Amino acid sequence: MARTKQIPEFEIEVGGEPYLWRLQRTPHWSSDPAERRGMAIAVRHQEGQREAVLEFPPGPQPRFGARQLQASQIAPELVAKAIASAMAAGWEPLSRGKPVAIVVDETGG
């Protein structure tokens, strides 16, 4: 039987409501600027089903040999601000439906 990879989820409270988030995608780099992608965080309400995928811009390319981004390195304040921005953009965390992709800036706004 194959072992499945466990992706850690982290709890965070925004506006008095509990949310769970995880690192969906780490930044991807390429010499072609059109191929660069920033990190993405998947968020859902603790009691809801609908996810929002918050996509960040790529930012500066790391040094050669730098360690891969870990979820524990992401500031909780950044995640909280990005969740608030997603709700301001129209994401309804307690509704049902497909995951919503929302692009935020590097500060989560």
N, C-alpha and C. Protein backbone atom coordinates (compact mmCIF):
# COMPACT_ATOMS: atom_id res chain seq x y z
N MET A 1 0.84 -1.17 0.00
CA MET A 1 0.00 0.00 0.00
C MET A 1 0.89 1.24 0.00
N ALA A 2 0.57 2.18 -0.86
CA ALA A 2 1.36 3.40 -0.97
C ALA A 2 1.03 4.37 0.15
N ARG A 3 2.05 5.04 0.63
CA ARG A 3 1.83 6.06 1.66
C ARG A 3 1.51 7.38 1.00
N THR A 4 0.50 8.04 1.52
CA THR A 4 0.17 9.36 0.97
C THR A 4 0.95 10.43 1.71
N LYS A 5 1.28 11.46 0.98
CA LYS A 5 2.03 12.56 1.57
C LYS A 5 1.09 13.45 2.37
N GLN A 6 1.38 13.65 3.62
CA GLN A 6 0.56 14.48 4.49
C GLN A 6 1.01 15.94 4.35
N ILE A 7 0.08 16.80 3.97
CA ILE A 7 0.37 18.22 3.85
C ILE A 7 -0.16 18.88 5.12
N PRO A 8 0.73 19.51 5.89
CA PRO A 8 0.26 20.11 7.15
C PRO A 8 -0.66 21.30 6.93
N GLU A 9 -1.71 21.37 7.75
CA GLU A 9 -2.62 22.50 7.75
C GLU A 9 -2.41 23.27 9.04
N PHE A 10 -2.53 24.58 8.94
CA PHE A 10 -2.32 25.44 10.09
C PHE A 10 -3.61 26.18 10.40
N GLU A 11 -3.87 26.38 11.68
CA GLU A 11 -5.05 27.11 12.10
C GLU A 11 -4.71 28.58 12.26
N ILE A 12 -5.69 29.43 11.91
CA ILE A 12 -5.54 30.87 12.08
C ILE A 12 -6.92 31.46 12.31
N GLU A 13 -6.98 32.53 13.07
CA GLU A 13 -8.25 33.18 13.35
C GLU A 13 -8.25 34.56 12.71
N VAL A 14 -9.28 34.83 11.91
CA VAL A 14 -9.43 36.11 11.24
C VAL A 14 -10.83 36.62 11.51
N GLY A 15 -10.94 37.78 12.11
CA GLY A 15 -12.24 38.36 12.42
C GLY A 15 -13.06 37.50 13.37
N GLY A 16 -12.39 36.77 14.26
CA GLY A 16 -13.08 35.92 15.21
C GLY A 16 -13.53 34.58 14.66
N GLU A 17 -13.21 34.29 13.40
CA GLU A 17 -13.60 33.03 12.76
C GLU A 17 -12.37 32.15 12.55
N PRO A 18 -12.49 30.82 12.78
CA PRO A 18 -11.35 29.91 12.61
C PRO A 18 -11.20 29.45 11.15
N TYR A 19 -10.00 29.51 10.64
CA TYR A 19 -9.68 29.06 9.28
C TYR A 19 -8.53 28.08 9.32
N LEU A 20 -8.45 27.24 8.29
CA LEU A 20 -7.33 26.33 8.09
C LEU A 20 -6.65 26.72 6.78
N TRP A 21 -5.33 26.74 6.77
CA TRP A 21 -4.60 27.06 5.55
C TRP A 21 -3.43 26.11 5.38
N ARG A 22 -3.01 25.97 4.13
CA ARG A 22 -1.84 25.14 3.80
C ARG A 22 -1.13 25.75 2.60
N LEU A 23 0.13 25.42 2.47
CA LEU A 23 0.91 25.88 1.32
C LEU A 23 0.56 25.00 0.14
N GLN A 24 -0.12 25.56 -0.83
CA GLN A 24 -0.57 24.81 -2.01
C GLN A 24 0.54 24.67 -3.03
N ARG A 25 1.29 25.76 -3.26
CA ARG A 25 2.34 25.74 -4.27
C ARG A 25 3.49 26.62 -3.83
N THR A 26 4.71 26.12 -3.95
CA THR A 26 5.89 26.92 -3.67
C THR A 26 6.23 27.74 -4.91
N PRO A 27 7.01 28.81 -4.77
CA PRO A 27 7.38 29.61 -5.95
C PRO A 27 8.15 28.79 -6.98
N HIS A 28 7.87 29.02 -8.26
CA HIS A 28 8.54 28.35 -9.37
C HIS A 28 9.31 29.40 -10.15
N TRP A 29 10.56 29.10 -10.48
CA TRP A 29 11.40 30.07 -11.16
C TRP A 29 11.76 29.58 -12.54
N SER A 30 11.97 30.53 -13.45
CA SER A 30 12.36 30.23 -14.82
C SER A 30 13.10 31.44 -15.37
N SER A 31 13.91 31.21 -16.40
CA SER A 31 14.58 32.34 -17.04
C SER A 31 13.57 33.17 -17.85
N ASP A 32 12.46 32.55 -18.21
CA ASP A 32 11.39 33.26 -18.93
C ASP A 32 10.45 33.89 -17.90
N PRO A 33 10.33 35.22 -17.86
CA PRO A 33 9.47 35.87 -16.86
C PRO A 33 8.01 35.42 -16.92
N ALA A 34 7.53 35.01 -18.09
CA ALA A 34 6.14 34.56 -18.20
C ALA A 34 5.91 33.22 -17.50
N GLU A 35 6.97 32.47 -17.27
CA GLU A 35 6.87 31.15 -16.64
C GLU A 35 7.00 31.20 -15.12
N ARG A 36 7.35 32.35 -14.56
CA ARG A 36 7.51 32.45 -13.11
C ARG A 36 6.17 32.44 -12.41
N ARG A 37 6.10 31.75 -11.28
CA ARG A 37 4.88 31.69 -10.49
C ARG A 37 5.24 31.87 -9.02
N GLY A 38 4.40 32.61 -8.31
CA GLY A 38 4.61 32.81 -6.89
C GLY A 38 3.98 31.70 -6.08
N MET A 39 4.10 31.81 -4.77
CA MET A 39 3.50 30.80 -3.91
C MET A 39 1.98 30.94 -3.92
N ALA A 40 1.31 29.86 -3.58
CA ALA A 40 -0.14 29.87 -3.48
C ALA A 40 -0.53 29.19 -2.16
N ILE A 41 -1.50 29.78 -1.48
CA ILE A 41 -1.98 29.26 -0.20
C ILE A 41 -3.44 28.88 -0.36
N ALA A 42 -3.80 27.67 0.05
CA ALA A 42 -5.20 27.24 0.03
C ALA A 42 -5.79 27.47 1.42
N VAL A 43 -6.96 28.10 1.46
CA VAL A 43 -7.60 28.48 2.72
C VAL A 43 -9.04 28.00 2.71
N ARG A 44 -9.52 27.54 3.86
CA ARG A 44 -10.94 27.23 4.01
C ARG A 44 -11.36 27.51 5.44
N HIS A 45 -12.65 27.76 5.61
CA HIS A 45 -13.20 27.96 6.96
C HIS A 45 -13.19 26.60 7.64
N GLN A 46 -12.96 26.59 8.93
CA GLN A 46 -12.86 25.32 9.65
C GLN A 46 -14.16 24.51 9.54
N GLU A 47 -15.29 25.19 9.42
CA GLU A 47 -16.57 24.49 9.33
C GLU A 47 -17.13 24.48 7.92
N GLY A 48 -16.41 25.06 6.98
CA GLY A 48 -16.89 25.16 5.60
C GLY A 48 -16.17 24.19 4.69
N GLN A 49 -16.63 24.17 3.42
CA GLN A 49 -16.04 23.28 2.43
C GLN A 49 -15.31 24.04 1.33
N ARG A 50 -15.76 25.25 1.04
CA ARG A 50 -15.23 25.98 -0.12
C ARG A 50 -13.86 26.57 0.16
N GLU A 51 -12.93 26.27 -0.73
CA GLU A 51 -11.57 26.78 -0.59
C GLU A 51 -11.35 28.01 -1.45
N ALA A 52 -10.41 28.80 -1.01
CA ALA A 52 -9.89 29.90 -1.82
C ALA A 52 -8.40 29.65 -1.99
N VAL A 53 -7.91 29.75 -3.20
CA VAL A 53 -6.48 29.62 -3.46
C VAL A 53 -5.95 31.03 -3.67
N LEU A 54 -5.13 31.48 -2.73
CA LEU A 54 -4.59 32.84 -2.75
C LEU A 54 -3.22 32.80 -3.42
N GLU A 55 -3.12 33.44 -4.58
CA GLU A 55 -1.90 33.41 -5.37
C GLU A 55 -1.12 34.71 -5.17
N PHE A 56 0.14 34.57 -4.82
CA PHE A 56 1.04 35.70 -4.59
C PHE A 56 1.95 35.88 -5.79
N PRO A 57 2.47 37.10 -6.03
CA PRO A 57 3.42 37.30 -7.13
C PRO A 57 4.75 36.59 -6.85
N PRO A 58 5.55 36.32 -7.88
CA PRO A 58 6.77 35.54 -7.67
C PRO A 58 7.83 36.19 -6.79
N GLY A 59 7.98 37.49 -6.83
CA GLY A 59 9.01 38.13 -6.00
C GLY A 59 10.41 37.90 -6.56
N PRO A 60 11.44 38.28 -5.80
CA PRO A 60 12.81 38.12 -6.30
C PRO A 60 13.25 36.66 -6.30
N GLN A 61 14.08 36.32 -7.27
CA GLN A 61 14.58 34.95 -7.36
C GLN A 61 15.59 34.70 -6.23
N PRO A 62 15.47 33.57 -5.53
CA PRO A 62 16.40 33.28 -4.44
C PRO A 62 17.79 32.94 -4.96
N ARG A 63 18.77 32.99 -4.06
CA ARG A 63 20.14 32.62 -4.42
C ARG A 63 20.19 31.15 -4.82
N PHE A 64 21.19 30.81 -5.60
CA PHE A 64 21.40 29.41 -5.98
C PHE A 64 21.68 28.60 -4.72
N GLY A 65 21.00 27.51 -4.56
CA GLY A 65 21.22 26.63 -3.41
C GLY A 65 20.40 27.00 -2.19
N ALA A 66 19.55 28.01 -2.29
CA ALA A 66 18.72 28.40 -1.15
C ALA A 66 17.68 27.31 -0.89
N ARG A 67 17.28 27.19 0.37
CA ARG A 67 16.30 26.18 0.74
C ARG A 67 14.93 26.51 0.18
N GLN A 68 14.16 25.47 -0.05
CA GLN A 68 12.78 25.61 -0.54
C GLN A 68 11.91 26.25 0.53
N LEU A 69 10.95 27.04 0.13
CA LEU A 69 10.05 27.69 1.06
C LEU A 69 9.22 26.66 1.83
N GLN A 70 9.16 26.81 3.14
CA GLN A 70 8.36 25.94 3.99
C GLN A 70 7.16 26.73 4.52
N ALA A 71 6.06 26.05 4.79
CA ALA A 71 4.85 26.71 5.28
C ALA A 71 5.10 27.41 6.62
N SER A 72 5.97 26.84 7.44
CA SER A 72 6.24 27.44 8.75
C SER A 72 7.00 28.77 8.63
N GLN A 73 7.57 29.07 7.47
CA GLN A 73 8.29 30.32 7.26
C GLN A 73 7.36 31.48 6.88
N ILE A 74 6.10 31.19 6.60
CA ILE A 74 5.16 32.21 6.17
C ILE A 74 4.56 32.89 7.39
N ALA A 75 4.61 34.20 7.42
CA ALA A 75 4.13 34.97 8.58
C ALA A 75 2.61 34.85 8.71
N PRO A 76 2.11 34.56 9.91
CA PRO A 76 0.65 34.48 10.12
C PRO A 76 -0.07 35.79 9.77
N GLU A 77 0.60 36.93 9.96
CA GLU A 77 -0.01 38.21 9.64
C GLU A 77 -0.28 38.32 8.13
N LEU A 78 0.63 37.78 7.32
CA LEU A 78 0.47 37.78 5.87
C LEU A 78 -0.73 36.93 5.47
N VAL A 79 -0.86 35.77 6.08
CA VAL A 79 -1.99 34.88 5.77
C VAL A 79 -3.30 35.52 6.20
N ALA A 80 -3.34 36.12 7.40
CA ALA A 80 -4.55 36.76 7.90
C ALA A 80 -4.99 37.91 6.98
N LYS A 81 -4.03 38.71 6.52
CA LYS A 81 -4.35 39.82 5.63
C LYS A 81 -4.85 39.32 4.28
N ALA A 82 -4.25 38.24 3.79
CA ALA A 82 -4.68 37.66 2.51
C ALA A 82 -6.09 37.08 2.62
N ILE A 83 -6.43 36.46 3.74
CA ILE A 83 -7.78 35.93 3.94
C ILE A 83 -8.79 37.07 3.96
N ALA A 84 -8.45 38.14 4.68
CA ALA A 84 -9.35 39.30 4.73
C ALA A 84 -9.53 39.90 3.34
N SER A 85 -8.48 39.95 2.54
CA SER A 85 -8.56 40.47 1.17
C SER A 85 -9.44 39.58 0.30
N ALA A 86 -9.34 38.27 0.49
CA ALA A 86 -10.16 37.33 -0.28
C ALA A 86 -11.64 37.52 0.03
N MET A 87 -11.97 37.73 1.29
CA MET A 87 -13.36 37.96 1.66
C MET A 87 -13.85 39.30 1.11
N ALA A 88 -12.99 40.30 1.12
CA ALA A 88 -13.36 41.61 0.55
C ALA A 88 -13.57 41.52 -0.96
N ALA A 89 -12.87 40.56 -1.60
CA ALA A 89 -13.01 40.37 -3.05
C ALA A 89 -14.23 39.54 -3.42
N GLY A 90 -14.95 39.04 -2.41
CA GLY A 90 -16.19 38.32 -2.69
C GLY A 90 -16.20 36.85 -2.33
N TRP A 91 -15.12 36.31 -1.78
CA TRP A 91 -15.10 34.90 -1.38
C TRP A 91 -16.02 34.71 -0.18
N GLU A 92 -16.92 33.76 -0.27
CA GLU A 92 -17.81 33.41 0.82
C GLU A 92 -17.39 32.04 1.35
N PRO A 93 -16.67 32.00 2.47
CA PRO A 93 -16.08 30.75 2.94
C PRO A 93 -17.08 29.67 3.36
N LEU A 94 -18.28 30.06 3.75
CA LEU A 94 -19.25 29.07 4.20
C LEU A 94 -20.20 28.62 3.09
N SER A 95 -20.00 29.13 1.87
CA SER A 95 -20.84 28.70 0.75
C SER A 95 -20.25 27.41 0.15
N ARG A 96 -21.02 26.81 -0.74
CA ARG A 96 -20.56 25.61 -1.43
C ARG A 96 -20.13 25.99 -2.83
N GLY A 97 -19.29 25.18 -3.44
CA GLY A 97 -18.89 25.44 -4.81
C GLY A 97 -17.43 25.11 -5.06
N LYS A 98 -17.00 25.44 -6.25
CA LYS A 98 -15.62 25.19 -6.66
C LYS A 98 -14.67 26.10 -5.90
N PRO A 99 -13.40 25.69 -5.78
CA PRO A 99 -12.42 26.60 -5.20
C PRO A 99 -12.27 27.88 -6.03
N VAL A 100 -12.04 28.97 -5.36
CA VAL A 100 -11.90 30.27 -5.99
C VAL A 100 -10.43 30.68 -5.97
N ALA A 101 -9.92 31.11 -7.10
CA ALA A 101 -8.53 31.60 -7.19
C ALA A 101 -8.56 33.13 -7.10
N ILE A 102 -7.80 33.66 -6.14
CA ILE A 102 -7.74 35.10 -5.93
C ILE A 102 -6.28 35.52 -5.92
N VAL A 103 -5.95 36.51 -6.73
CA VAL A 103 -4.58 37.01 -6.81
C VAL A 103 -4.45 38.17 -5.81
N VAL A 104 -3.45 38.07 -4.94
CA VAL A 104 -3.16 39.13 -3.99
C VAL A 104 -1.75 39.66 -4.24
N ASP A 105 -1.43 40.80 -3.64
CA ASP A 105 -0.08 41.33 -3.81
C ASP A 105 0.87 40.72 -2.78
N GLU A 106 2.11 41.14 -2.80
CA GLU A 106 3.13 40.52 -1.92
C GLU A 106 2.86 40.78 -0.44
N THR A 107 2.02 41.77 -0.12
CA THR A 107 1.70 42.04 1.28
C THR A 107 0.41 41.36 1.71
N GLY A 108 -0.24 40.64 0.79
CA GLY A 108 -1.48 39.95 1.10
C GLY A 108 -2.71 40.80 0.84
N GLY A 109 -2.54 42.01 0.35
CA GLY A 109 -3.67 42.92 0.12
C GLY A 109 -4.33 42.73 -1.21
